[in-house]
């Protein structure tokens, strides 16, 4: 319809220019004696606008725009929610990383203290073991010395007993034995 109006306007303009070129004035057409072409255009525009309003075209356009606005608003709200969720996840993972780093540092420090405690205990145990082994060696040496002394005493006693037996056998006879036996019996009676 707009194309028709443009064509009509162009034709009117072309006719007016052609008449002006030939030097003739052209009378403007009038319908019913008072309706000029400008009035027809105004009337047709008024009818067109009335039909558009009667068919509720502006409401449909506004409704479509409102739907688009609502869809865009929903997308913006979803994007905001996703951004907030991403920020929360980032903060959560940052906290987890910080916690893991703190835990790792605490584990390293704990391991260092345990290692120092184990080293100190090993040094103390080594010192105690060395002292115990020294005592055991000293005890073995003392036992060996006592065993050697006891063996030496036993040999000396055996040698003295053998020598005394030989001396007694050589110097005592049966009469001397009788006197010794009688003296021993008399000593028991008392």
C-alpha atoms as a PDB file:
ATOM      1  CA  UNK A   1       0.000   0.000   0.000  1.00  0.00           C
ATOM      2  CA  UNK A   2       2.875   2.324   0.784  1.00  0.00           C
ATOM      3  CA  UNK A   3       4.294   1.519  -2.698  1.00  0.00           C
ATOM      4  CA  UNK A   4       1.008   2.607  -4.283  1.00  0.00           C
ATOM      5  CA  UNK A   5       1.117   5.879  -2.428  1.00  0.00           C
ATOM      6  CA  UNK A   6       4.680   6.455  -3.550  1.00  0.00           C
ATOM      7  CA  UNK A   7       3.755   5.657  -7.144  1.00  0.00           C
ATOM      8  CA  UNK A   8       0.807   8.015  -7.014  1.00  0.00           C
ATOM      9  CA  UNK A   9       2.947  10.772  -5.554  1.00  0.00           C
ATOM     10  CA  UNK A  10       5.658  10.200  -8.155  1.00  0.00           C
ATOM     11  CA  UNK A  11       3.112  10.237 -11.008  1.00  0.00           C
ATOM     12  CA  UNK A  12       1.552  13.441  -9.717  1.00  0.00           C
ATOM     13  CA  UNK A  13       4.967  15.025  -9.450  1.00  0.00           C
ATOM     14  CA  UNK A  14       5.960  13.848 -12.945  1.00  0.00           C
ATOM     15  CA  UNK A  15       2.729  15.230 -14.462  1.00  0.00           C
ATOM     16  CA  UNK A  16       3.278  18.517 -12.677  1.00  0.00           C
ATOM     17  CA  UNK A  17       6.842  18.783 -13.981  1.00  0.00           C
ATOM     18  CA  UNK A  18       5.750  17.898 -17.526  1.00  0.00           C
ATOM     19  CA  UNK A  19       3.111  20.573 -17.461  1.00  0.00           C
ATOM     20  CA  UNK A  20       5.594  23.082 -16.090  1.00  0.00           C
ATOM     21  CA  UNK A  21       8.003  22.288 -18.903  1.00  0.00           C
ATOM     22  CA  UNK A  22       5.396  23.032 -21.552  1.00  0.00           C
ATOM     23  CA  UNK A  23       4.600  26.256 -19.950  1.00  0.00           C
ATOM     24  CA  UNK A  24       1.070  25.386 -19.107  1.00  0.00           C
ATOM     25  CA  UNK A  25      -0.410  25.607 -15.711  1.00  0.00           C
ATOM     26  CA  UNK A  26      -2.216  22.539 -14.666  1.00  0.00           C
ATOM     27  CA  UNK A  27      -5.290  22.672 -12.585  1.00  0.00           C
ATOM     28  CA  UNK A  28      -5.279  20.494  -9.544  1.00  0.00           C
ATOM     29  CA  UNK A  29      -7.945  17.770  -9.673  1.00  0.00           C
ATOM     30  CA  UNK A  30     -10.782  18.023  -7.198  1.00  0.00           C
ATOM     31  CA  UNK A  31     -13.313  15.302  -6.427  1.00  0.00           C
ATOM     32  CA  UNK A  32     -16.862  16.213  -5.515  1.00  0.00           C
ATOM     33  CA  UNK A  33     -15.801  19.776  -5.850  1.00  0.00           C
ATOM     34  CA  UNK A  34     -13.977  20.056  -2.555  1.00  0.00           C
ATOM     35  CA  UNK A  35     -11.776  16.892  -1.984  1.00  0.00           C
ATOM     36  CA  UNK A  36      -8.229  17.574  -3.083  1.00  0.00           C
ATOM     37  CA  UNK A  37      -5.501  14.906  -3.495  1.00  0.00           C
ATOM     38  CA  UNK A  38      -3.950  15.930  -0.157  1.00  0.00           C
ATOM     39  CA  UNK A  39      -7.276  15.321   1.536  1.00  0.00           C
ATOM     40  CA  UNK A  40      -7.444  11.840  -0.052  1.00  0.00           C
ATOM     41  CA  UNK A  41      -4.007  11.049   1.328  1.00  0.00           C
ATOM     42  CA  UNK A  42      -4.979  12.298   4.784  1.00  0.00           C
ATOM     43  CA  UNK A  43      -8.217  10.317   4.665  1.00  0.00           C
ATOM     44  CA  UNK A  44      -6.463   7.129   3.557  1.00  0.00           C
ATOM     45  CA  UNK A  45      -3.845   7.523   6.297  1.00  0.00           C
ATOM     46  CA  UNK A  46      -6.559   8.044   8.896  1.00  0.00           C
ATOM     47  CA  UNK A  47      -8.367   4.899   7.713  1.00  0.00           C
ATOM     48  CA  UNK A  48      -5.095   2.964   7.688  1.00  0.00           C
ATOM     49  CA  UNK A  49      -4.214   4.069  11.236  1.00  0.00           C
ATOM     50  CA  UNK A  50      -7.759   3.255  12.400  1.00  0.00           C
ATOM     51  CA  UNK A  51      -7.520  -0.270  10.944  1.00  0.00           C
ATOM     52  CA  UNK A  52      -4.100  -0.804  12.534  1.00  0.00           C
ATOM     53  CA  UNK A  53      -5.450   0.296  15.922  1.00  0.00           C
ATOM     54  CA  UNK A  54      -8.680  -1.705  15.475  1.00  0.00           C
ATOM     55  CA  UNK A  55      -6.654  -4.885  14.719  1.00  0.00           C
ATOM     56  CA  UNK A  56      -4.548  -4.168  17.833  1.00  0.00           C
ATOM     57  CA  UNK A  57      -1.271  -4.210  15.925  1.00  0.00           C
ATOM     58  CA  UNK A  58       0.531  -1.887  18.401  1.00  0.00           C
ATOM     59  CA  UNK A  59      -0.465  -4.239  21.252  1.00  0.00           C
ATOM     60  CA  UNK A  60       0.850  -7.232  19.298  1.00  0.00           C
ATOM     61  CA  UNK A  61       4.093  -5.403  18.578  1.00  0.00           C
ATOM     62  CA  UNK A  62       4.377  -4.328  22.224  1.00  0.00           C
ATOM     63  CA  UNK A  63       3.551  -7.898  23.351  1.00  0.00           C
ATOM     64  CA  UNK A  64       6.252  -9.324  21.072  1.00  0.00           C
ATOM     65  CA  UNK A  65       8.732  -6.778  22.352  1.00  0.00           C
ATOM     66  CA  UNK A  66       7.718  -7.539  25.944  1.00  0.00           C
ATOM     67  CA  UNK A  67       8.276 -11.253  25.303  1.00  0.00           C
ATOM     68  CA  UNK A  68      11.681 -10.504  23.833  1.00  0.00           C
ATOM     69  CA  UNK A  69      12.495  -8.281  26.836  1.00  0.00           C
ATOM     70  CA  UNK A  70      11.361 -11.031  29.241  1.00  0.00           C
ATOM     71  CA  UNK A  71      13.453 -13.642  27.395  1.00  0.00           C
ATOM     72  CA  UNK A  72      16.499 -11.369  27.464  1.00  0.00           C
ATOM     73  CA  UNK A  73      15.895 -10.625  31.153  1.00  0.00           C
ATOM     74  CA  UNK A  74      15.678 -14.381  31.878  1.00  0.00           C
ATOM     75  CA  UNK A  75      18.925 -14.944  29.990  1.00  0.00           C
ATOM     76  CA  UNK A  76      20.578 -12.134  31.959  1.00  0.00           C
ATOM     77  CA  UNK A  77      19.294 -13.603  35.234  1.00  0.00           C
ATOM     78  CA  UNK A  78      20.553 -17.051  34.222  1.00  0.00           C
ATOM     79  CA  UNK A  79      23.915 -15.537  33.297  1.00  0.00           C
ATOM     80  CA  UNK A  80      24.056 -13.750  36.659  1.00  0.00           C
ATOM     81  CA  UNK A  81      23.211 -16.998  38.461  1.00  0.00           C
ATOM     82  CA  UNK A  82      25.861 -18.868  36.472  1.00  0.00           C
ATOM     83  CA  UNK A  83      28.398 -16.165  37.229  1.00  0.00           C
ATOM     84  CA  UNK A  84      27.547 -16.280  40.948  1.00  0.00           C
ATOM     85  CA  UNK A  85      27.821 -20.074  40.880  1.00  0.00           C
ATOM     86  CA  UNK A  86      31.172 -19.866  39.078  1.00  0.00           C
ATOM     87  CA  UNK A  87      32.414 -17.307  41.601  1.00  0.00           C
ATOM     88  CA  UNK A  88      31.294 -19.555  44.459  1.00  0.00           C
ATOM     89  CA  UNK A  89      33.043 -22.558  42.884  1.00  0.00           C
ATOM     90  CA  UNK A  90      36.180 -20.506  42.325  1.00  0.00           C
ATOM     91  CA  UNK A  91      36.128 -19.340  45.944  1.00  0.00           C
ATOM     92  CA  UNK A  92      35.479 -22.893  47.139  1.00  0.00           C
ATOM     93  CA  UNK A  93      38.366 -24.291  45.117  1.00  0.00           C
ATOM     94  CA  UNK A  94      40.629 -21.443  46.206  1.00  0.00           C
ATOM     95  CA  UNK A  95      39.761 -22.293  49.819  1.00  0.00           C
ATOM     96  CA  UNK A  96      40.402 -25.986  49.141  1.00  0.00           C
ATOM     97  CA  UNK A  97      43.766 -25.178  47.573  1.00  0.00           C
ATOM     98  CA  UNK A  98      44.705 -22.965  50.510  1.00  0.00           C
ATOM     99  CA  UNK A  99      43.570 -25.678  52.924  1.00  0.00           C
ATOM    100  CA  UNK A 100      45.534 -28.326  51.026  1.00  0.00           C
ATOM    101  CA  UNK A 101      48.640 -26.123  51.062  1.00  0.00           C
ATOM    102  CA  UNK A 102      48.226 -25.534  54.797  1.00  0.00           C
ATOM    103  CA  UNK A 103      47.714 -29.268  55.362  1.00  0.00           C
ATOM    104  CA  UNK A 104      50.801 -30.054  53.288  1.00  0.00           C
ATOM    105  CA  UNK A 105      52.862 -27.532  55.252  1.00  0.00           C
ATOM    106  CA  UNK A 106      51.557 -28.982  58.521  1.00  0.00           C
ATOM    107  CA  UNK A 107      52.384 -32.512  57.330  1.00  0.00           C
ATOM    108  CA  UNK A 108      55.901 -31.451  56.368  1.00  0.00           C
ATOM    109  CA  UNK A 109      56.386 -29.751  59.735  1.00  0.00           C
ATOM    110  CA  UNK A 110      54.979 -32.785  61.560  1.00  0.00           C
ATOM    111  CA  UNK A 111      57.247 -35.102  59.560  1.00  0.00           C
ATOM    112  CA  UNK A 112      60.221 -32.873  60.373  1.00  0.00           C
ATOM    113  CA  UNK A 113      59.390 -33.022  64.102  1.00  0.00           C
ATOM    114  CA  UNK A 114      58.899 -36.786  63.937  1.00  0.00           C
ATOM    115  CA  UNK A 115      62.216 -37.188  62.119  1.00  0.00           C
ATOM    116  CA  UNK A 116      63.960 -35.088  64.754  1.00  0.00           C
ATOM    117  CA  UNK A 117      62.291 -37.126  67.502  1.00  0.00           C
ATOM    118  CA  UNK A 118      63.317 -40.385  65.800  1.00  0.00           C
ATOM    119  CA  UNK A 119      66.900 -39.128  65.427  1.00  0.00           C
ATOM    120  CA  UNK A 120      66.999 -38.053  69.078  1.00  0.00           C
ATOM    121  CA  UNK A 121      65.535 -41.410  70.169  1.00  0.00           C
ATOM    122  CA  UNK A 122      68.005 -43.276  67.945  1.00  0.00           C
ATOM    123  CA  UNK A 123      70.884 -41.306  69.443  1.00  0.00           C
ATOM    124  CA  UNK A 124      69.620 -42.008  72.959  1.00  0.00           C
ATOM    125  CA  UNK A 125      69.033 -45.683  72.127  1.00  0.00           C
ATOM    126  CA  UNK A 126      72.487 -45.897  70.560  1.00  0.00           C
ATOM    127  CA  UNK A 127      74.042 -44.357  73.656  1.00  0.00           C
ATOM    128  CA  UNK A 128      72.097 -46.741  75.896  1.00  0.00           C
ATOM    129  CA  UNK A 129      73.044 -49.696  73.688  1.00  0.00           C
ATOM    130  CA  UNK A 130      76.711 -48.707  73.739  1.00  0.00           C
ATOM    131  CA  UNK A 131      76.572 -48.384  77.547  1.00  0.00           C
ATOM    132  CA  UNK A 132      74.794 -51.740  77.820  1.00  0.00           C
ATOM    133  CA  UNK A 133      77.285 -53.435  75.474  1.00  0.00           C
ATOM    134  CA  UNK A 134      80.193 -51.900  77.413  1.00  0.00           C
ATOM    135  CA  UNK A 135      78.663 -53.227  80.638  1.00  0.00           C
ATOM    136  CA  UNK A 136      78.146 -56.648  79.048  1.00  0.00           C
ATOM    137  CA  UNK A 137      81.771 -56.679  77.834  1.00  0.00           C
ATOM    138  CA  UNK A 138      82.974 -55.561  81.257  1.00  0.00           C
ATOM    139  CA  UNK A 139      80.824 -58.266  82.885  1.00  0.00           C
ATOM    140  CA  UNK A 140      82.201 -60.904  80.481  1.00  0.00           C
ATOM    141  CA  UNK A 141      85.733 -59.785  81.195  1.00  0.00           C
ATOM    142  CA  UNK A 142      85.065 -59.855  84.964  1.00  0.00           C
ATOM    143  CA  UNK A 143      83.442 -63.296  84.649  1.00  0.00           C
ATOM    144  CA  UNK A 144      86.400 -64.539  82.616  1.00  0.00           C
ATOM    145  CA  UNK A 145      88.782 -63.122  85.234  1.00  0.00           C
ATOM    146  CA  UNK A 146      86.767 -64.783  88.038  1.00  0.00           C
ATOM    147  CA  UNK A 147      86.683 -68.043  86.099  1.00  0.00           C
ATOM    148  CA  UNK A 148      90.449 -67.836  85.547  1.00  0.00           C
ATOM    149  CA  UNK A 149      91.040 -67.030  89.227  1.00  0.00           C
ATOM    150  CA  UNK A 150      88.686 -69.848  90.307  1.00  0.00           C
ATOM    151  CA  UNK A 151      90.411 -72.243  87.902  1.00  0.00           C
ATOM    152  CA  UNK A 152      93.779 -71.125  89.195  1.00  0.00           C
ATOM    153  CA  UNK A 153      92.603 -71.569  92.809  1.00  0.00           C
ATOM    154  CA  UNK A 154      91.164 -74.991  91.998  1.00  0.00           C
ATOM    155  CA  UNK A 155      94.442 -76.053  90.387  1.00  0.00           C
ATOM    156  CA  UNK A 156      96.397 -74.601  93.308  1.00  0.00           C
ATOM    157  CA  UNK A 157      94.105 -76.400  95.797  1.00  0.00           C
ATOM    158  CA  UNK A 158      94.394 -79.624  93.812  1.00  0.00           C
ATOM    159  CA  UNK A 159      98.169 -79.262  93.679  1.00  0.00           C
ATOM    160  CA  UNK A 160      98.299 -78.406  97.414  1.00  0.00           C
ATOM    161  CA  UNK A 161      96.043 -81.352  98.239  1.00  0.00           C
ATOM    162  CA  UNK A 162      98.194 -83.683  96.138  1.00  0.00           C
ATOM    163  CA  UNK A 163     101.368 -82.334  97.753  1.00  0.00           C
ATOM    164  CA  UNK A 164      99.828 -82.575 101.254  1.00  0.00           C
ATOM    165  CA  UNK A 165      98.701 -86.112 100.479  1.00  0.00           C
ATOM    166  CA  UNK A 166     102.197 -87.019  99.387  1.00  0.00           C
ATOM    167  CA  UNK A 167     103.737 -85.377 102.474  1.00  0.00           C
ATOM    168  CA  UNK A 168     101.245 -87.006 104.832  1.00  0.00           C
ATOM    169  CA  UNK A 169     101.775 -90.370 103.191  1.00  0.00           C
ATOM    170  CA  UNK A 170     105.511 -89.950 103.502  1.00  0.00           C
ATOM    171  CA  UNK A 171     105.632 -88.676 107.146  1.00  0.00           C
ATOM    172  CA  UNK A 172     102.675 -90.277 108.889  1.00  0.00           C
ATOM    173  CA  UNK A 173     102.317 -93.865 109.789  1.00  0.00           C
ATOM    174  CA  UNK A 174      99.512 -95.851 111.445  1.00  0.00           C
ATOM    175  CA  UNK A 175     100.311 -94.655 114.989  1.00  0.00           C
ATOM    176  CA  UNK A 176     100.228 -91.008 113.931  1.00  0.00           C
ATOM    177  CA  UNK A 177      96.923 -91.609 112.229  1.00  0.00           C
ATOM    178  CA  UNK A 178      95.497 -93.159 115.433  1.00  0.00           C
ATOM    179  CA  UNK A 179      96.506 -90.107 117.458  1.00  0.00           C
ATOM    180  CA  UNK A 180      94.892 -87.761 114.901  1.00  0.00           C
ATOM    181  CA  UNK A 181      91.673 -89.776 114.856  1.00  0.00           C
ATOM    182  CA  UNK A 182      91.506 -89.847 118.674  1.00  0.00           C
ATOM    183  CA  UNK A 183      92.099 -86.040 118.811  1.00  0.00           C
ATOM    184  CA  UNK A 184      89.333 -85.449 116.294  1.00  0.00           C
ATOM    185  CA  UNK A 185      86.874 -87.630 118.238  1.00  0.00           C
ATOM    186  CA  UNK A 186      87.759 -85.868 121.494  1.00  0.00           C
ATOM    187  CA  UNK A 187      87.162 -82.517 119.761  1.00  0.00           C
ATOM    188  CA  UNK A 188      83.705 -83.650 118.708  1.00  0.00           C
ATOM    189  CA  UNK A 189      82.722 -84.701 122.168  1.00  0.00           C
ATOM    190  CA  UNK A 190      83.275 -81.299 123.576  1.00  0.00           C
END
